Amino acid sequence: MGFFKGLQKPRWAPQSVVSQFASYRDAVIWCWENRLNHGAGEKVDQAICANAIGLPTPQMSRCVKKDSHAPMCLPAEYLADFEAFCGWRAASLFLASRMQLTFLEQVMEERMAVAA
């Protein structure tokens, strides 16, 4: 966790951006493409990020490359550290917005079932 102490707190992505994501993976890719610190190039940055968050480097490439031959979603347990590394909270906001809708749908269904 020492690596992350030197980083700024991640910024919240604008809602206008978050609302455009079609998937969690889109949100992760946006975070990566808009990361605040572009270091020594794409592959080196991927390796540094993977090492910092504890994800195998080949998996990092599959998570953040839009045109990956074997696309993969970033496992949720790495999300907070990934967003800290990138400097943006966009994937978390996307998930929260989806969860809120799901919760509201559940409440509505329960109310309709009681009313029937």
C-alpha atoms as a PDB file:
ATOM      1  CA  MET A   1       0.000   0.000   0.000  1.00  0.00           C
ATOM      2  CA  GLY A   2       3.054   2.294   0.278  1.00  0.00           C
ATOM      3  CA  PHE A   3       2.999   3.022  -3.457  1.00  0.00           C
ATOM      4  CA  PHE A   4      -0.464   4.554  -3.219  1.00  0.00           C
ATOM      5  CA  LYS A   5       0.424   6.939  -0.369  1.00  0.00           C
ATOM      6  CA  GLY A   6       2.312   9.112  -2.860  1.00  0.00           C
ATOM      7  CA  LEU A   7      -0.633   9.409  -5.229  1.00  0.00           C
ATOM      8  CA  GLN A   8      -3.309  12.067  -5.161  1.00  0.00           C
ATOM      9  CA  LYS A   9      -6.829  11.048  -4.264  1.00  0.00           C
ATOM     10  CA  PRO A  10      -8.622   9.971  -7.480  1.00  0.00           C
ATOM     11  CA  ARG A  11     -10.917  12.519  -9.101  1.00  0.00           C
ATOM     12  CA  TRP A  12     -14.572  11.778  -9.791  1.00  0.00           C
ATOM     13  CA  ALA A  13     -15.236  11.416 -13.497  1.00  0.00           C
ATOM     14  CA  PRO A  14     -17.929  13.760 -14.815  1.00  0.00           C
ATOM     15  CA  GLN A  15     -21.404  12.223 -14.935  1.00  0.00           C
ATOM     16  CA  SER A  16     -21.601  13.198 -18.608  1.00  0.00           C
ATOM     17  CA  VAL A  17     -18.686  10.829 -19.236  1.00  0.00           C
ATOM     18  CA  VAL A  18     -19.925   8.019 -16.981  1.00  0.00           C
ATOM     19  CA  SER A  19     -23.351   8.021 -18.624  1.00  0.00           C
ATOM     20  CA  GLN A  20     -21.723   7.221 -21.977  1.00  0.00           C
ATOM     21  CA  PHE A  21     -20.206   3.917 -20.825  1.00  0.00           C
ATOM     22  CA  ALA A  22     -21.922   0.837 -22.209  1.00  0.00           C
ATOM     23  CA  SER A  23     -20.059  -1.505 -19.865  1.00  0.00           C
ATOM     24  CA  TYR A  24     -17.773  -1.776 -16.860  1.00  0.00           C
ATOM     25  CA  ARG A  25     -14.925  -2.574 -19.248  1.00  0.00           C
ATOM     26  CA  ASP A  26     -15.553   0.698 -21.130  1.00  0.00           C
ATOM     27  CA  ALA A  27     -15.227   2.559 -17.829  1.00  0.00           C
ATOM     28  CA  VAL A  28     -11.957   0.800 -16.962  1.00  0.00           C
ATOM     29  CA  ILE A  29     -10.535   1.574 -20.409  1.00  0.00           C
ATOM     30  CA  TRP A  30     -11.558   5.232 -20.056  1.00  0.00           C
ATOM     31  CA  CYS A  31      -9.758   5.430 -16.695  1.00  0.00           C
ATOM     32  CA  TRP A  32      -6.650   3.966 -18.283  1.00  0.00           C
ATOM     33  CA  GLU A  33      -6.696   6.143 -21.395  1.00  0.00           C
ATOM     34  CA  ASN A  34      -7.205   9.258 -19.258  1.00  0.00           C
ATOM     35  CA  ARG A  35      -4.780   8.368 -16.459  1.00  0.00           C
ATOM     36  CA  LEU A  36      -3.158  11.415 -14.969  1.00  0.00           C
ATOM     37  CA  ASN A  37       0.411  10.154 -15.242  1.00  0.00           C
ATOM     38  CA  HIS A  38       1.703   8.771 -18.517  1.00  0.00           C
ATOM     39  CA  GLY A  39       5.140   7.446 -17.652  1.00  0.00           C
ATOM     40  CA  ALA A  40       7.567   5.566 -19.839  1.00  0.00           C
ATOM     41  CA  GLY A  41       5.111   4.291 -22.442  1.00  0.00           C
ATOM     42  CA  GLU A  42       2.055   2.082 -22.609  1.00  0.00           C
ATOM     43  CA  LYS A  43       3.660  -1.300 -21.842  1.00  0.00           C
ATOM     44  CA  VAL A  44       5.836   0.031 -19.033  1.00  0.00           C
ATOM     45  CA  ASP A  45       2.875   1.860 -17.487  1.00  0.00           C
ATOM     46  CA  GLN A  46       0.834  -1.353 -17.677  1.00  0.00           C
ATOM     47  CA  ALA A  47       3.615  -3.295 -15.965  1.00  0.00           C
ATOM     48  CA  ILE A  48       3.993  -0.669 -13.222  1.00  0.00           C
ATOM     49  CA  CYS A  49       0.246  -0.554 -12.621  1.00  0.00           C
ATOM     50  CA  ALA A  50      -0.084  -4.349 -12.628  1.00  0.00           C
ATOM     51  CA  ASN A  51       2.758  -4.647 -10.132  1.00  0.00           C
ATOM     52  CA  ALA A  52       1.305  -1.898  -7.925  1.00  0.00           C
ATOM     53  CA  ILE A  53      -2.174  -3.430  -7.748  1.00  0.00           C
ATOM     54  CA  GLY A  54      -1.061  -7.080  -7.679  1.00  0.00           C
ATOM     55  CA  LEU A  55      -2.477  -8.165 -11.042  1.00  0.00           C
ATOM     56  CA  PRO A  56      -0.400 -10.298 -13.444  1.00  0.00           C
ATOM     57  CA  THR A  57       0.984  -8.023 -16.189  1.00  0.00           C
ATOM     58  CA  PRO A  58      -0.509  -9.974 -19.144  1.00  0.00           C
ATOM     59  CA  GLN A  59      -3.944  -9.629 -17.573  1.00  0.00           C
ATOM     60  CA  MET A  60      -3.493  -5.869 -17.228  1.00  0.00           C
ATOM     61  CA  SER A  61      -3.005  -5.541 -20.968  1.00  0.00           C
ATOM     62  CA  ARG A  62      -6.173  -7.548 -21.608  1.00  0.00           C
ATOM     63  CA  CYS A  63      -8.127  -5.284 -19.238  1.00  0.00           C
ATOM     64  CA  VAL A  64      -7.032  -1.893 -20.562  1.00  0.00           C
ATOM     65  CA  LYS A  65      -6.531  -2.408 -24.302  1.00  0.00           C
ATOM     66  CA  LYS A  66      -9.670  -1.537 -26.235  1.00  0.00           C
ATOM     67  CA  ASP A  67      -8.693  -3.806 -29.135  1.00  0.00           C
ATOM     68  CA  SER A  68      -7.334  -6.751 -27.110  1.00  0.00           C
ATOM     69  CA  HIS A  69      -7.549 -10.121 -28.879  1.00  0.00           C
ATOM     70  CA  ALA A  70      -8.637 -11.678 -25.580  1.00  0.00           C
ATOM     71  CA  PRO A  71     -10.490  -8.902 -23.715  1.00  0.00           C
ATOM     72  CA  MET A  72     -10.924  -9.281 -19.990  1.00  0.00           C
ATOM     73  CA  CYS A  73     -12.763  -7.269 -17.344  1.00  0.00           C
ATOM     74  CA  LEU A  74     -10.669  -5.977 -14.472  1.00  0.00           C
ATOM     75  CA  PRO A  75     -11.546  -8.107 -11.431  1.00  0.00           C
ATOM     76  CA  ALA A  76     -13.458  -6.010  -8.898  1.00  0.00           C
ATOM     77  CA  GLU A  77     -10.977  -6.611  -6.074  1.00  0.00           C
ATOM     78  CA  TYR A  78      -8.375  -4.562  -8.008  1.00  0.00           C
ATOM     79  CA  LEU A  79     -10.662  -1.647  -8.875  1.00  0.00           C
ATOM     80  CA  ALA A  80      -9.930   0.751  -5.986  1.00  0.00           C
ATOM     81  CA  ASP A  81      -6.158   0.493  -6.432  1.00  0.00           C
ATOM     82  CA  PHE A  82      -6.487   0.680 -10.233  1.00  0.00           C
ATOM     83  CA  GLU A  83      -8.502   3.883  -9.973  1.00  0.00           C
ATOM     84  CA  ALA A  84      -5.987   5.291  -7.490  1.00  0.00           C
ATOM     85  CA  PHE A  85      -3.191   4.531  -9.952  1.00  0.00           C
ATOM     86  CA  CYS A  86      -5.063   6.135 -12.865  1.00  0.00           C
ATOM     87  CA  GLY A  87      -6.292   9.084 -10.838  1.00  0.00           C
ATOM     88  CA  TRP A  88      -9.954   8.706 -11.829  1.00  0.00           C
ATOM     89  CA  ARG A  89     -13.045   7.184 -10.274  1.00  0.00           C
ATOM     90  CA  ALA A  90     -15.126   6.315 -13.314  1.00  0.00           C
ATOM     91  CA  ALA A  91     -15.585   2.547 -13.150  1.00  0.00           C
ATOM     92  CA  SER A  92     -16.773   2.811  -9.529  1.00  0.00           C
ATOM     93  CA  LEU A  93     -19.276   5.470 -10.557  1.00  0.00           C
ATOM     94  CA  PHE A  94     -20.478   3.315 -13.441  1.00  0.00           C
ATOM     95  CA  LEU A  95     -21.027   0.355 -11.112  1.00  0.00           C
ATOM     96  CA  ALA A  96     -22.740   2.548  -8.532  1.00  0.00           C
ATOM     97  CA  SER A  97     -25.113   3.961 -11.126  1.00  0.00           C
ATOM     98  CA  ARG A  98     -25.947   0.451 -12.347  1.00  0.00           C
ATOM     99  CA  MET A  99     -26.431  -0.773  -8.785  1.00  0.00           C
ATOM    100  CA  GLN A 100     -28.738   2.106  -7.939  1.00  0.00           C
ATOM    101  CA  LEU A 101     -30.913   1.291 -10.931  1.00  0.00           C
ATOM    102  CA  THR A 102     -30.947  -2.392 -10.001  1.00  0.00           C
ATOM    103  CA  PHE A 103     -31.896  -1.556  -6.414  1.00  0.00           C
ATOM    104  CA  LEU A 104     -34.689   0.750  -7.569  1.00  0.00           C
ATOM    105  CA  GLU A 105     -35.969  -1.935  -9.921  1.00  0.00           C
ATOM    106  CA  GLN A 106     -36.007  -4.430  -7.047  1.00  0.00           C
ATOM    107  CA  VAL A 107     -37.921  -2.045  -4.780  1.00  0.00           C
ATOM    108  CA  MET A 108     -40.465  -1.395  -7.532  1.00  0.00           C
ATOM    109  CA  GLU A 109     -40.958  -5.122  -8.142  1.00  0.00           C
ATOM    110  CA  GLU A 110     -41.445  -5.770  -4.423  1.00  0.00           C
ATOM    111  CA  ARG A 111     -44.012  -2.972  -4.186  1.00  0.00           C
ATOM    112  CA  MET A 112     -45.875  -4.279  -7.233  1.00  0.00           C
ATOM    113  CA  ALA A 113     -45.915  -7.802  -5.766  1.00  0.00           C
ATOM    114  CA  VAL A 114     -47.368  -6.517  -2.483  1.00  0.00           C
ATOM    115  CA  ALA A 115     -49.981  -4.439  -4.332  1.00  0.00           C
ATOM    116  CA  ALA A 116     -51.129  -7.403  -6.448  1.00  0.00           C
END
